[in-house]
Structures are given as structure tokens and as C-alpha cells.
């Protein structure tokens, strides 16, 4: 299951992780976010030993969203060693996200 991230837990769980991290920036009212959610959950299970997969509700956690300039939802950011190494904006097939994970592992 994907981690529920907050402004308070983001640095510890994502930026300070020694694993690749995939973070889904989403909101309850966002239709494409809801379409993408099952893929994010499946990837969190498939890569649970290799990748930190988290979800951050931008409405409840505006600091992190603002820090990374999130303007469109859903936005998926990939972090490695505390740095953004890839991004995906918009709802995409699960395979697109899986390919980005594999490319950054």
C-alpha cells in the first residue's frame, strides 16, 4: 500500500530515503487522479522492496506541493538521493510509470 505523505513526513520518507521514491501528488476532487490511483497502489505492491511509493494530497499539504511547483494534477515525481530524477504529469497507463521506475532503479 502506498504511504500517505504529509508536509511533516515528506522529508523523512522521501528525501532522506536510500531507495527510489515515487510520489503521486493528487487531490480528492481530481478525476484523473482517481483513475491513476489503482496503478499507483499496484506499483507500490510490485516494487515494495525497491521503491518508496507515496501519495500526497495537495489540498491538505500545500507546503510540499508549492516547494516542488506542482501546478497540474496528477503529477508524479521520482526522487533519488533527495533529488528529482523524473516526472510525469497527467494520468498515464501503469506501464508508463513502471518503465520510469525501471529506468531509475
PDB file of N, CA and C in Angstrom:
ATOM      1  N   UNK A   1       0.839  -1.188   0.000  1.00  0.00           N
ATOM      2  CA  UNK A   1       0.000   0.000   0.000  1.00  0.00           C
ATOM      3  C   UNK A   1       0.880   1.246   0.000  1.00  0.00           C
ATOM      4  N   UNK A   2       0.497   2.226  -0.803  1.00  0.00           N
ATOM      5  CA  UNK A   2       1.267   3.460  -0.883  1.00  0.00           C
ATOM      6  C   UNK A   2       1.213   4.202   0.458  1.00  0.00           C
ATOM      7  N   UNK A   3       2.321   4.836   0.793  1.00  0.00           N
ATOM      8  CA  UNK A   3       2.390   5.643   2.020  1.00  0.00           C
ATOM      9  C   UNK A   3       1.554   6.907   1.858  1.00  0.00           C
ATOM     10  N   UNK A   4       0.883   7.308   2.913  1.00  0.00           N
ATOM     11  CA  UNK A   4       0.216   8.602   2.912  1.00  0.00           C
ATOM     12  C   UNK A   4       1.232   9.612   3.426  1.00  0.00           C
ATOM     13  N   UNK A   5       1.635  10.514   2.549  1.00  0.00           N
ATOM     14  CA  UNK A   5       2.650  11.503   2.909  1.00  0.00           C
ATOM     15  C   UNK A   5       2.003  12.814   3.321  1.00  0.00           C
ATOM     16  N   UNK A   6       2.696  13.553   4.183  1.00  0.00           N
ATOM     17  CA  UNK A   6       2.238  14.866   4.618  1.00  0.00           C
ATOM     18  C   UNK A   6       3.406  15.843   4.548  1.00  0.00           C
ATOM     19  N   UNK A   7       3.107  17.114   4.750  1.00  0.00           N
ATOM     20  CA  UNK A   7       4.167  18.120   4.816  1.00  0.00           C
ATOM     21  C   UNK A   7       5.188  17.746   5.886  1.00  0.00           C
ATOM     22  N   UNK A   8       4.724  17.125   6.975  1.00  0.00           N
ATOM     23  CA  UNK A   8       5.606  16.781   8.093  1.00  0.00           C
ATOM     24  C   UNK A   8       6.440  15.524   7.858  1.00  0.00           C
ATOM     25  N   UNK A   9       5.945  14.577   7.050  1.00  0.00           N
ATOM     26  CA  UNK A   9       6.657  13.308   6.869  1.00  0.00           C
ATOM     27  C   UNK A   9       7.430  13.224   5.561  1.00  0.00           C
ATOM     28  N   UNK A  10       7.228  14.167   4.660  1.00  0.00           N
ATOM     29  CA  UNK A  10       7.805  14.073   3.317  1.00  0.00           C
ATOM     30  C   UNK A  10       9.326  13.947   3.313  1.00  0.00           C
ATOM     31  N   UNK A  11      10.008  14.826   4.032  1.00  0.00           N
ATOM     32  CA  UNK A  11      11.480  14.786   4.031  1.00  0.00           C
ATOM     33  C   UNK A  11      11.999  13.444   4.520  1.00  0.00           C
ATOM     34  N   UNK A  12      11.448  12.968   5.629  1.00  0.00           N
ATOM     35  CA  UNK A  12      11.911  11.702   6.220  1.00  0.00           C
ATOM     36  C   UNK A  12      11.650  10.529   5.286  1.00  0.00           C
ATOM     37  N   UNK A  13      10.446  10.437   4.739  1.00  0.00           N
ATOM     38  CA  UNK A  13      10.045   9.275   3.949  1.00  0.00           C
ATOM     39  C   UNK A  13      10.572   9.299   2.516  1.00  0.00           C
ATOM     40  N   UNK A  14      10.763  10.493   1.949  1.00  0.00           N
ATOM     41  CA  UNK A  14      11.129  10.598   0.535  1.00  0.00           C
ATOM     42  C   UNK A  14      12.549  11.125   0.342  1.00  0.00           C
ATOM     43  N   UNK A  15      12.804  12.331   0.821  1.00  0.00           N
ATOM     44  CA  UNK A  15      14.096  12.959   0.553  1.00  0.00           C
ATOM     45  C   UNK A  15      15.250  12.255   1.259  1.00  0.00           C
ATOM     46  N   UNK A  16      14.987  11.696   2.431  1.00  0.00           N
ATOM     47  CA  UNK A  16      16.046  11.017   3.184  1.00  0.00           C
ATOM     48  C   UNK A  16      16.078   9.509   2.956  1.00  0.00           C
ATOM     49  N   UNK A  17      15.265   9.020   2.034  1.00  0.00           N
ATOM     50  CA  UNK A  17      15.229   7.581   1.766  1.00  0.00           C
ATOM     51  C   UNK A  17      16.443   7.165   0.938  1.00  0.00           C
ATOM     52  N   UNK A  18      16.922   5.956   1.188  1.00  0.00           N
ATOM     53  CA  UNK A  18      18.026   5.435   0.375  1.00  0.00           C
ATOM     54  C   UNK A  18      17.492   4.663  -0.833  1.00  0.00           C
ATOM     55  N   UNK A  19      16.172   4.656  -1.015  1.00  0.00           N
ATOM     56  CA  UNK A  19      15.539   3.993  -2.152  1.00  0.00           C
ATOM     57  C   UNK A  19      14.997   5.036  -3.122  1.00  0.00           C
ATOM     58  N   UNK A  20      14.718   4.597  -4.337  1.00  0.00           N
ATOM     59  CA  UNK A  20      13.976   5.423  -5.279  1.00  0.00           C
ATOM     60  C   UNK A  20      12.601   5.687  -4.659  1.00  0.00           C
ATOM     61  N   UNK A  21      12.103   6.898  -4.823  1.00  0.00           N
ATOM     62  CA  UNK A  21      10.766   7.231  -4.315  1.00  0.00           C
ATOM     63  C   UNK A  21       9.903   7.758  -5.457  1.00  0.00           C
ATOM     64  N   UNK A  22       8.677   7.272  -5.517  1.00  0.00           N
ATOM     65  CA  UNK A  22       7.694   7.744  -6.490  1.00  0.00           C
ATOM     66  C   UNK A  22       6.555   8.375  -5.702  1.00  0.00           C
ATOM     67  N   UNK A  23       6.306   9.665  -5.938  1.00  0.00           N
ATOM     68  CA  UNK A  23       5.290  10.379  -5.169  1.00  0.00           C
ATOM     69  C   UNK A  23       4.178  10.867  -6.097  1.00  0.00           C
ATOM     70  N   UNK A  24       2.957  10.474  -5.773  1.00  0.00           N
ATOM     71  CA  UNK A  24       1.765  10.867  -6.509  1.00  0.00           C
ATOM     72  C   UNK A  24       1.168  12.092  -5.805  1.00  0.00           C
ATOM     73  N   UNK A  25       1.235  13.244  -6.469  1.00  0.00           N
ATOM     74  CA  UNK A  25       0.603  14.467  -5.964  1.00  0.00           C
ATOM     75  C   UNK A  25      -0.813  14.476  -6.536  1.00  0.00           C
ATOM     76  N   UNK A  26      -1.814  14.482  -5.642  1.00  0.00           N
ATOM     77  CA  UNK A  26      -3.199  14.310  -6.054  1.00  0.00           C
ATOM     78  C   UNK A  26      -4.139  15.137  -5.189  1.00  0.00           C
ATOM     79  N   UNK A  27      -5.429  15.116  -5.549  1.00  0.00           N
ATOM     80  CA  UNK A  27      -6.478  15.755  -4.744  1.00  0.00           C
ATOM     81  C   UNK A  27      -7.761  14.943  -4.897  1.00  0.00           C
ATOM     82  N   UNK A  28      -8.593  14.984  -3.884  1.00  0.00           N
ATOM     83  CA  UNK A  28      -9.838  14.215  -3.859  1.00  0.00           C
ATOM     84  C   UNK A  28     -10.738  14.572  -5.042  1.00  0.00           C
ATOM     85  N   UNK A  29     -10.782  15.845  -5.413  1.00  0.00           N
ATOM     86  CA  UNK A  29     -11.685  16.326  -6.464  1.00  0.00           C
ATOM     87  C   UNK A  29     -11.170  16.055  -7.884  1.00  0.00           C
ATOM     88  N   UNK A  30      -9.985  15.506  -8.011  1.00  0.00           N
ATOM     89  CA  UNK A  30      -9.316  15.328  -9.306  1.00  0.00           C
ATOM     90  C   UNK A  30      -9.687  13.992  -9.935  1.00  0.00           C
ATOM     91  N   UNK A  31     -10.475  14.019 -11.008  1.00  0.00           N
ATOM     92  CA  UNK A  31     -10.895  12.804 -11.701  1.00  0.00           C
ATOM     93  C   UNK A  31      -9.724  11.972 -12.231  1.00  0.00           C
ATOM     94  N   UNK A  32      -8.794  12.584 -12.972  1.00  0.00           N
ATOM     95  CA  UNK A  32      -7.650  11.807 -13.461  1.00  0.00           C
ATOM     96  C   UNK A  32      -6.818  11.194 -12.325  1.00  0.00           C
ATOM     97  N   UNK A  33      -6.792  11.848 -11.164  1.00  0.00           N
ATOM     98  CA  UNK A  33      -6.072  11.299 -10.000  1.00  0.00           C
ATOM     99  C   UNK A  33      -6.718   9.992  -9.564  1.00  0.00           C
ATOM    100  N   UNK A  34      -8.046   9.967  -9.552  1.00  0.00           N
ATOM    101  CA  UNK A  34      -8.766   8.755  -9.159  1.00  0.00           C
ATOM    102  C   UNK A  34      -8.535   7.633 -10.175  1.00  0.00           C
ATOM    103  N   UNK A  35      -8.406   7.995 -11.464  1.00  0.00           N
ATOM    104  CA  UNK A  35      -8.134   6.994 -12.496  1.00  0.00           C
ATOM    105  C   UNK A  35      -6.746   6.385 -12.310  1.00  0.00           C
ATOM    106  N   UNK A  36      -5.794   7.189 -11.862  1.00  0.00           N
ATOM    107  CA  UNK A  36      -4.409   6.755 -11.715  1.00  0.00           C
ATOM    108  C   UNK A  36      -4.171   5.969 -10.418  1.00  0.00           C
ATOM    109  N   UNK A  37      -5.009   6.191  -9.415  1.00  0.00           N
ATOM    110  CA  UNK A  37      -4.797   5.622  -8.082  1.00  0.00           C
ATOM    111  C   UNK A  37      -4.602   4.102  -8.067  1.00  0.00           C
ATOM    112  N   UNK A  38      -5.408   3.306  -8.793  1.00  0.00           N
ATOM    113  CA  UNK A  38      -5.190   1.850  -8.751  1.00  0.00           C
ATOM    114  C   UNK A  38      -3.802   1.444  -9.268  1.00  0.00           C
ATOM    115  N   UNK A  39      -3.319   2.129 -10.295  1.00  0.00           N
ATOM    116  CA  UNK A  39      -1.981   1.822 -10.820  1.00  0.00           C
ATOM    117  C   UNK A  39      -0.906   2.126  -9.789  1.00  0.00           C
ATOM    118  N   UNK A  40      -1.053   3.242  -9.090  1.00  0.00           N
ATOM    119  CA  UNK A  40      -0.081   3.617  -8.057  1.00  0.00           C
ATOM    120  C   UNK A  40      -0.067   2.565  -6.954  1.00  0.00           C
ATOM    121  N   UNK A  41      -1.248   2.123  -6.541  1.00  0.00           N
ATOM    122  CA  UNK A  41      -1.330   1.094  -5.494  1.00  0.00           C
ATOM    123  C   UNK A  41      -0.700  -0.223  -5.959  1.00  0.00           C
ATOM    124  N   UNK A  42      -0.972  -0.622  -7.202  1.00  0.00           N
ATOM    125  CA  UNK A  42      -0.394  -1.863  -7.728  1.00  0.00           C
ATOM    126  C   UNK A  42       1.131  -1.762  -7.778  1.00  0.00           C
ATOM    127  N   UNK A  43       1.651  -0.638  -8.226  1.00  0.00           N
ATOM    128  CA  UNK A  43       3.106  -0.469  -8.298  1.00  0.00           C
ATOM    129  C   UNK A  43       3.729  -0.471  -6.904  1.00  0.00           C
ATOM    130  N   UNK A  44       3.000   0.064  -5.912  1.00  0.00           N
ATOM    131  CA  UNK A  44       3.540   0.066  -4.550  1.00  0.00           C
ATOM    132  C   UNK A  44       3.711  -1.358  -4.043  1.00  0.00           C
ATOM    133  N   UNK A  45       2.828  -2.264  -4.453  1.00  0.00           N
ATOM    134  CA  UNK A  45       2.945  -3.671  -4.063  1.00  0.00           C
ATOM    135  C   UNK A  45       4.046  -4.372  -4.864  1.00  0.00           C
ATOM    136  N   UNK A  46       4.070  -4.128  -6.168  1.00  0.00           N
ATOM    137  CA  UNK A  46       5.028  -4.809  -7.038  1.00  0.00           C
ATOM    138  C   UNK A  46       6.483  -4.433  -6.729  1.00  0.00           C
ATOM    139  N   UNK A  47       6.693  -3.196  -6.300  1.00  0.00           N
ATOM    140  CA  UNK A  47       8.053  -2.714  -6.048  1.00  0.00           C
ATOM    141  C   UNK A  47       8.297  -2.400  -4.573  1.00  0.00           C
ATOM    142  N   UNK A  48       7.530  -3.030  -3.676  1.00  0.00           N
ATOM    143  CA  UNK A  48       7.581  -2.670  -2.258  1.00  0.00           C
ATOM    144  C   UNK A  48       8.964  -2.790  -1.632  1.00  0.00           C
ATOM    145  N   UNK A  49       9.813  -3.676  -2.138  1.00  0.00           N
ATOM    146  CA  UNK A  49      11.153  -3.832  -1.569  1.00  0.00           C
ATOM    147  C   UNK A  49      12.186  -2.903  -2.192  1.00  0.00           C
ATOM    148  N   UNK A  50      11.833  -2.271  -3.310  1.00  0.00           N
ATOM    149  CA  UNK A  50      12.803  -1.456  -4.040  1.00  0.00           C
ATOM    150  C   UNK A  50      12.479   0.027  -4.073  1.00  0.00           C
ATOM    151  N   UNK A  51      11.190   0.362  -3.980  1.00  0.00           N
ATOM    152  CA  UNK A  51      10.754   1.741  -4.203  1.00  0.00           C
ATOM    153  C   UNK A  51       9.803   2.189  -3.090  1.00  0.00           C
ATOM    154  N   UNK A  52      10.001   3.404  -2.618  1.00  0.00           N
ATOM    155  CA  UNK A  52       9.043   4.031  -1.706  1.00  0.00           C
ATOM    156  C   UNK A  52       7.972   4.672  -2.587  1.00  0.00           C
ATOM    157  N   UNK A  53       6.746   4.224  -2.446  1.00  0.00           N
ATOM    158  CA  UNK A  53       5.645   4.799  -3.223  1.00  0.00           C
ATOM    159  C   UNK A  53       4.741   5.537  -2.248  1.00  0.00           C
ATOM    160  N   UNK A  54       4.542   6.820  -2.520  1.00  0.00           N
ATOM    161  CA  UNK A  54       3.723   7.629  -1.623  1.00  0.00           C
ATOM    162  C   UNK A  54       2.723   8.477  -2.357  1.00  0.00           C
ATOM    163  N   UNK A  55       1.705   8.908  -1.620  1.00  0.00           N
ATOM    164  CA  UNK A  55       0.673   9.794  -2.157  1.00  0.00           C
ATOM    165  C   UNK A  55       0.590  11.018  -1.249  1.00  0.00           C
ATOM    166  N   UNK A  56       0.548  12.191  -1.869  1.00  0.00           N
ATOM    167  CA  UNK A  56       0.465  13.426  -1.103  1.00  0.00           C
ATOM    168  C   UNK A  56      -0.738  14.232  -1.590  1.00  0.00           C
ATOM    169  N   UNK A  57      -1.717  14.418  -0.709  1.00  0.00           N
ATOM    170  CA  UNK A  57      -2.911  15.206  -1.009  1.00  0.00           C
ATOM    171  C   UNK A  57      -2.512  16.684  -0.967  1.00  0.00           C
ATOM    172  N   UNK A  58      -2.528  17.339  -2.132  1.00  0.00           N
ATOM    173  CA  UNK A  58      -2.030  18.719  -2.216  1.00  0.00           C
ATOM    174  C   UNK A  58      -2.917  19.717  -1.474  1.00  0.00           C
ATOM    175  N   UNK A  59      -4.197  19.405  -1.334  1.00  0.00           N
ATOM    176  CA  UNK A  59      -5.086  20.321  -0.613  1.00  0.00           C
ATOM    177  C   UNK A  59      -4.770  20.351   0.877  1.00  0.00           C
ATOM    178  N   UNK A  60      -4.394  19.208   1.434  1.00  0.00           N
ATOM    179  CA  UNK A  60      -4.091  19.127   2.863  1.00  0.00           C
ATOM    180  C   UNK A  60      -2.617  19.360   3.179  1.00  0.00           C
ATOM    181  N   UNK A  61      -1.774  19.362   2.157  1.00  0.00           N
ATOM    182  CA  UNK A  61      -0.323  19.502   2.346  1.00  0.00           C
ATOM    183  C   UNK A  61       0.269  20.452   1.307  1.00  0.00           C
ATOM    184  N   UNK A  62      -0.093  21.722   1.392  1.00  0.00           N
ATOM    185  CA  UNK A  62       0.320  22.671   0.351  1.00  0.00           C
ATOM    186  C   UNK A  62       1.813  23.008   0.348  1.00  0.00           C
ATOM    187  N   UNK A  63       2.499  22.842   1.470  1.00  0.00           N
ATOM    188  CA  UNK A  63       3.911  23.242   1.527  1.00  0.00           C
ATOM    189  C   UNK A  63       4.770  22.450   0.554  1.00  0.00           C
ATOM    190  N   UNK A  64       4.654  21.134   0.583  1.00  0.00           N
ATOM    191  CA  UNK A  64       5.465  20.289  -0.295  1.00  0.00           C
ATOM    192  C   UNK A  64       5.078  20.532  -1.754  1.00  0.00           C
ATOM    193  N   UNK A  65       3.785  20.618  -2.034  1.00  0.00           N
ATOM    194  CA  UNK A  65       3.332  20.859  -3.403  1.00  0.00           C
ATOM    195  C   UNK A  65       3.895  22.178  -3.937  1.00  0.00           C
ATOM    196  N   UNK A  66       3.890  23.198  -3.102  1.00  0.00           N
ATOM    197  CA  UNK A  66       4.414  24.501  -3.501  1.00  0.00           C
ATOM    198  C   UNK A  66       5.932  24.435  -3.689  1.00  0.00           C
ATOM    199  N   UNK A  67       6.619  23.737  -2.803  1.00  0.00           N
ATOM    200  CA  UNK A  67       8.074  23.618  -2.873  1.00  0.00           C
ATOM    201  C   UNK A  67       8.538  23.032  -4.207  1.00  0.00           C
ATOM    202  N   UNK A  68       7.756  22.077  -4.736  1.00  0.00           N
ATOM    203  CA  UNK A  68       8.132  21.420  -5.982  1.00  0.00           C
ATOM    204  C   UNK A  68       7.366  21.945  -7.191  1.00  0.00           C
ATOM    205  N   UNK A  69       6.650  23.049  -7.014  1.00  0.00           N
ATOM    206  CA  UNK A  69       5.986  23.713  -8.132  1.00  0.00           C
ATOM    207  C   UNK A  69       4.912  22.878  -8.809  1.00  0.00           C
ATOM    208  N   UNK A  70       4.152  22.148  -8.021  1.00  0.00           N
ATOM    209  CA  UNK A  70       3.090  21.312  -8.584  1.00  0.00           C
ATOM    210  C   UNK A  70       1.949  22.222  -9.033  1.00  0.00           C
ATOM    211  N   UNK A  71       1.687  22.223 -10.344  1.00  0.00           N
ATOM    212  CA  UNK A  71       0.641  23.080 -10.918  1.00  0.00           C
ATOM    213  C   UNK A  71      -0.513  22.282 -11.521  1.00  0.00           C
ATOM    214  N   UNK A  72      -0.237  21.052 -11.959  1.00  0.00           N
ATOM    215  CA  UNK A  72      -1.246  20.199 -12.576  1.00  0.00           C
ATOM    216  C   UNK A  72      -1.339  18.894 -11.814  1.00  0.00           C
ATOM    217  N   UNK A  73      -2.552  18.347 -11.788  1.00  0.00           N
ATOM    218  CA  UNK A  73      -2.769  17.070 -11.113  1.00  0.00           C
ATOM    219  C   UNK A  73      -3.345  16.067 -12.093  1.00  0.00           C
ATOM    220  N   UNK A  74      -2.990  14.811 -11.954  1.00  0.00           N
ATOM    221  CA  UNK A  74      -1.952  14.308 -11.059  1.00  0.00           C
ATOM    222  C   UNK A  74      -0.555  14.598 -11.605  1.00  0.00           C
ATOM    223  N   UNK A  75       0.381  14.772 -10.699  1.00  0.00           N
ATOM    224  CA  UNK A  75       1.796  14.848 -11.052  1.00  0.00           C
ATOM    225  C   UNK A  75       2.517  13.794 -10.235  1.00  0.00           C
ATOM    226  N   UNK A  76       3.339  13.019 -10.900  1.00  0.00           N
ATOM    227  CA  UNK A  76       4.153  12.007 -10.231  1.00  0.00           C
ATOM    228  C   UNK A  76       5.599  12.460 -10.310  1.00  0.00           C
ATOM    229  N   UNK A  77       6.255  12.573  -9.161  1.00  0.00           N
ATOM    230  CA  UNK A  77       7.674  12.900  -9.137  1.00  0.00           C
ATOM    231  C   UNK A  77       8.455  11.683  -8.655  1.00  0.00           C
ATOM    232  N   UNK A  78       9.611  11.473  -9.261  1.00  0.00           N
ATOM    233  CA  UNK A  78      10.512  10.385  -8.887  1.00  0.00           C
ATOM    234  C   UNK A  78      11.751  10.999  -8.251  1.00  0.00           C
ATOM    235  N   UNK A  79      12.086  10.564  -7.050  1.00  0.00           N
ATOM    236  CA  UNK A  79      13.215  11.100  -6.298  1.00  0.00           C
ATOM    237  C   UNK A  79      14.264  10.023  -6.069  1.00  0.00           C
ATOM    238  N   UNK A  80      15.515  10.416  -6.200  1.00  0.00           N
ATOM    239  CA  UNK A  80      16.625   9.521  -5.875  1.00  0.00           C
ATOM    240  C   UNK A  80      17.670  10.367  -5.165  1.00  0.00           C
ATOM    241  N   UNK A  81      18.104   9.913  -3.990  1.00  0.00           N
ATOM    242  CA  UNK A  81      19.074  10.663  -3.189  1.00  0.00           C
ATOM    243  C   UNK A  81      18.626  12.104  -2.947  1.00  0.00           C
ATOM    244  N   UNK A  82      17.329  12.286  -2.718  1.00  0.00           N
ATOM    245  CA  UNK A  82      16.783  13.594  -2.384  1.00  0.00           C
ATOM    246  C   UNK A  82      16.592  14.536  -3.558  1.00  0.00           C
ATOM    247  N   UNK A  83      16.851  14.071  -4.778  1.00  0.00           N
ATOM    248  CA  UNK A  83      16.719  14.917  -5.971  1.00  0.00           C
ATOM    249  C   UNK A  83      15.655  14.361  -6.909  1.00  0.00           C
ATOM    250  N   UNK A  84      14.972  15.253  -7.626  1.00  0.00           N
ATOM    251  CA  UNK A  84      14.006  14.809  -8.637  1.00  0.00           C
ATOM    252  C   UNK A  84      14.783  14.258  -9.829  1.00  0.00           C
ATOM    253  N   UNK A  85      14.479  13.012 -10.212  1.00  0.00           N
ATOM    254  CA  UNK A  85      15.159  12.403 -11.354  1.00  0.00           C
ATOM    255  C   UNK A  85      14.217  12.193 -12.542  1.00  0.00           C
ATOM    256  N   UNK A  86      12.897  12.317 -12.311  1.00  0.00           N
ATOM    257  CA  UNK A  86      11.943  12.159 -13.402  1.00  0.00           C
ATOM    258  C   UNK A  86      10.599  12.689 -12.930  1.00  0.00           C
ATOM    259  N   UNK A  87       9.715  12.950 -13.906  1.00  0.00           N
ATOM    260  CA  UNK A  87       8.364  13.409 -13.557  1.00  0.00           C
ATOM    261  C   UNK A  87       7.393  12.976 -14.625  1.00  0.00           C
ATOM    262  N   UNK A  88       6.142  12.858 -14.219  1.00  0.00           N
ATOM    263  CA  UNK A  88       5.066  12.530 -15.149  1.00  0.00           C
ATOM    264  C   UNK A  88       3.864  13.358 -14.751  1.00  0.00           C
ATOM    265  N   UNK A  89       3.326  14.107 -15.710  1.00  0.00           N
ATOM    266  CA  UNK A  89       2.144  14.924 -15.446  1.00  0.00           C
ATOM    267  C   UNK A  89       0.971  14.324 -16.211  1.00  0.00           C
ATOM    268  N   UNK A  90      -0.134  14.161 -15.514  1.00  0.00           N
ATOM    269  CA  UNK A  90      -1.340  13.622 -16.135  1.00  0.00           C
ATOM    270  C   UNK A  90      -1.481  12.131 -15.900  1.00  0.00           C
ATOM    271  N   UNK A  91      -2.693  11.632 -16.145  1.00  0.00           N
ATOM    272  CA  UNK A  91      -2.982  10.210 -15.984  1.00  0.00           C
ATOM    273  C   UNK A  91      -2.368   9.456 -17.161  1.00  0.00           C
ATOM    274  N   UNK A  92      -1.622   8.420 -16.851  1.00  0.00           N
ATOM    275  CA  UNK A  92      -0.958   7.600 -17.861  1.00  0.00           C
ATOM    276  C   UNK A  92      -1.158   6.127 -17.518  1.00  0.00           C
ATOM    277  N   UNK A  93      -0.925   5.235 -18.494  1.00  0.00           N
ATOM    278  CA  UNK A  93      -1.031   3.807 -18.186  1.00  0.00           C
ATOM    279  C   UNK A  93      -0.002   3.394 -17.138  1.00  0.00           C
ATOM    280  N   UNK A  94      -0.332   2.344 -16.408  1.00  0.00           N
ATOM    281  CA  UNK A  94       0.570   1.803 -15.387  1.00  0.00           C
ATOM    282  C   UNK A  94       1.938   1.493 -15.983  1.00  0.00           C
ATOM    283  N   UNK A  95       1.961   0.982 -17.211  1.00  0.00           N
ATOM    284  CA  UNK A  95       3.224   0.606 -17.855  1.00  0.00           C
ATOM    285  C   UNK A  95       4.173   1.799 -18.005  1.00  0.00           C
ATOM    286  N   UNK A  96       3.634   2.986 -18.217  1.00  0.00           N
ATOM    287  CA  UNK A  96       4.468   4.185 -18.338  1.00  0.00           C
ATOM    288  C   UNK A  96       5.201   4.450 -17.029  1.00  0.00           C
ATOM    289  N   UNK A  97       4.476   4.333 -15.920  1.00  0.00           N
ATOM    290  CA  UNK A  97       5.101   4.554 -14.611  1.00  0.00           C
ATOM    291  C   UNK A  97       6.092   3.436 -14.292  1.00  0.00           C
ATOM    292  N   UNK A  98       5.740   2.200 -14.634  1.00  0.00           N
ATOM    293  CA  UNK A  98       6.634   1.065 -14.389  1.00  0.00           C
ATOM    294  C   UNK A  98       7.942   1.248 -15.162  1.00  0.00           C
ATOM    295  N   UNK A  99       7.849   1.728 -16.394  1.00  0.00           N
ATOM    296  CA  UNK A  99       9.050   1.959 -17.197  1.00  0.00           C
ATOM    297  C   UNK A  99       9.930   3.047 -16.582  1.00  0.00           C
ATOM    298  N   UNK A 100       9.303   4.074 -16.016  1.00  0.00           N
ATOM    299  CA  UNK A 100      10.085   5.133 -15.355  1.00  0.00           C
ATOM    300  C   UNK A 100      10.753   4.601 -14.093  1.00  0.00           C
ATOM    301  N   UNK A 101      10.065   3.745 -13.363  1.00  0.00           N
ATOM    302  CA  UNK A 101      10.675   3.126 -12.174  1.00  0.00           C
ATOM    303  C   UNK A 101      11.894   2.322 -12.593  1.00  0.00           C
ATOM    304  N   UNK A 102      11.706   1.448 -13.578  1.00  0.00           N
ATOM    305  CA  UNK A 102      12.819   0.594 -14.036  1.00  0.00           C
ATOM    306  C   UNK A 102      13.992   1.422 -14.521  1.00  0.00           C
ATOM    307  N   UNK A 103      13.731   2.510 -15.220  1.00  0.00           N
ATOM    308  CA  UNK A 103      14.810   3.351 -15.751  1.00  0.00           C
ATOM    309  C   UNK A 103      15.609   4.038 -14.648  1.00  0.00           C
ATOM    310  N   UNK A 104      14.983   4.230 -13.475  1.00  0.00           N
ATOM    311  CA  UNK A 104      15.638   4.968 -12.401  1.00  0.00           C
ATOM    312  C   UNK A 104      16.136   4.113 -11.241  1.00  0.00           C
ATOM    313  N   UNK A 105      15.878   2.802 -11.296  1.00  0.00           N
ATOM    314  CA  UNK A 105      16.349   1.926 -10.226  1.00  0.00           C
ATOM    315  C   UNK A 105      17.865   1.776 -10.280  1.00  0.00           C
TER     316      UNK A 105
END
